[in-house]
Amino acid sequence: MDRSSHPRSRRLAPVVAVAAAAALTLAGCSSSSGGKKAEEGGSNASAGKADTPRMTVALVTHQSPGDTFWDIVRKGAEAAAAKDNIKLVYSADPNAGNQANLVQNAVDQKVDGIAVTLAKPDAMKGVIGKATAAGIPVVGLNSGVSDWKKLGLLEFFGQDESVAGEAFGKKLNEVGAKKAVCVIQEQGNVGLTQRCDGMKKTFSGTTETLYVNGTDMPSVKSTITAKLKQDNSIDYIVALGAPYALTAVQSVSDAGSKAKVATFDLNKQLTGAIKNGTIQFAVDQQPYLQGYLAVDSLWLYKNNGNYSGGGEQPVLTGPAFVDKSNVDQVARFAAKGTR
């Protein structure tokens, strides 16, 4: 299918020329702020392979080094790529300007589609406009549910973070929490802010926001520990990612606090912590599904003109709560690195 048939293409400028030679491979090299080298994957998927012409899809995220959440996103994307005869090129950088440069690299290489996260949408607006002007379909995942349509993306796959935050606040009420600290590991990330704001909206107790440097786990640990020592009325630490929740458990111990820990997002270690009671519950947004659907959607669009939600509504992958009552069902998938 010709990319110019994108339903928004009639409002776009003519296709612009790109400077990079087609023989070059998509750049996704490391940057000084933590960019991750682009890699091609998908060899571990067992589904039948499409016989459609080979496509190249760039997946560009705001992953920080060491954040295992994105390993699950990539596994889903790789499974879809293997099934759909897609060459998947992954790159990431937590710095919004560097992430935008990675998207520009994908545009320069004339990829067949781009899947991108919008943790800081304002920084991505210009380069996404260049991609759509070049006739490259762009879909969003994970971050940006409030902004994807404004930026002209074709589809979006993820969780409404405000809704998830509101559900989290209600859950805190159910468990009898009185004072919660919401730990944000990346300032300026709109999705993380929406989680805390949503929680504050429905939680009947008092809340505080604590900013930590998510790229420095020893610093995360010491900052949370200091906060707990300073205020012994805190009875819940709310983390916004599995690695930070597990670190918060250590902080609770170091501070001699009675606070409990709950979190957004899962990984293998976190399901074990829910089982043993060191973490009370987690919100699962199904990152594997986000990666899978984002890549698969680009194949469907190119080969059959499909776009989920009609270009008007996002495809929601969460929120769903995981606690002791259902963790065993999820843990067997988490053990494989897919939940």
Foldseek 3Di string as FASTA:
>chain_A
DQLCVQVCNVVADAADDADDDLPDDQAQDADPQAKHGKDWAQPPADAAADPDDEFEEEEEEADHPPALLVVLLVNLLSNLCRRHNYGYIYMHHNDLLVSLVSLLSVQNNVGQEYEYEPQPVVSNLVSLSNCVNNSHAYEYEAHDQPNCLVSPHQAYEWAPLLVQLLVVLVVCVVVPFAEEEEEDQDPSRVSSVSNPVSNVVNHPHYYHYHYFNNNDLVRLLVSLLVVCLVDLSHAEYEYAGDVSQVSNLVSCVVNVHNHAYEYEDDALVVLVCLQVVNHFKYWHQQSSVRSNCRNNQSSCCVPPVDGPPRSPHHHGSDTDMDHNVCSVVVNVVNVVVND
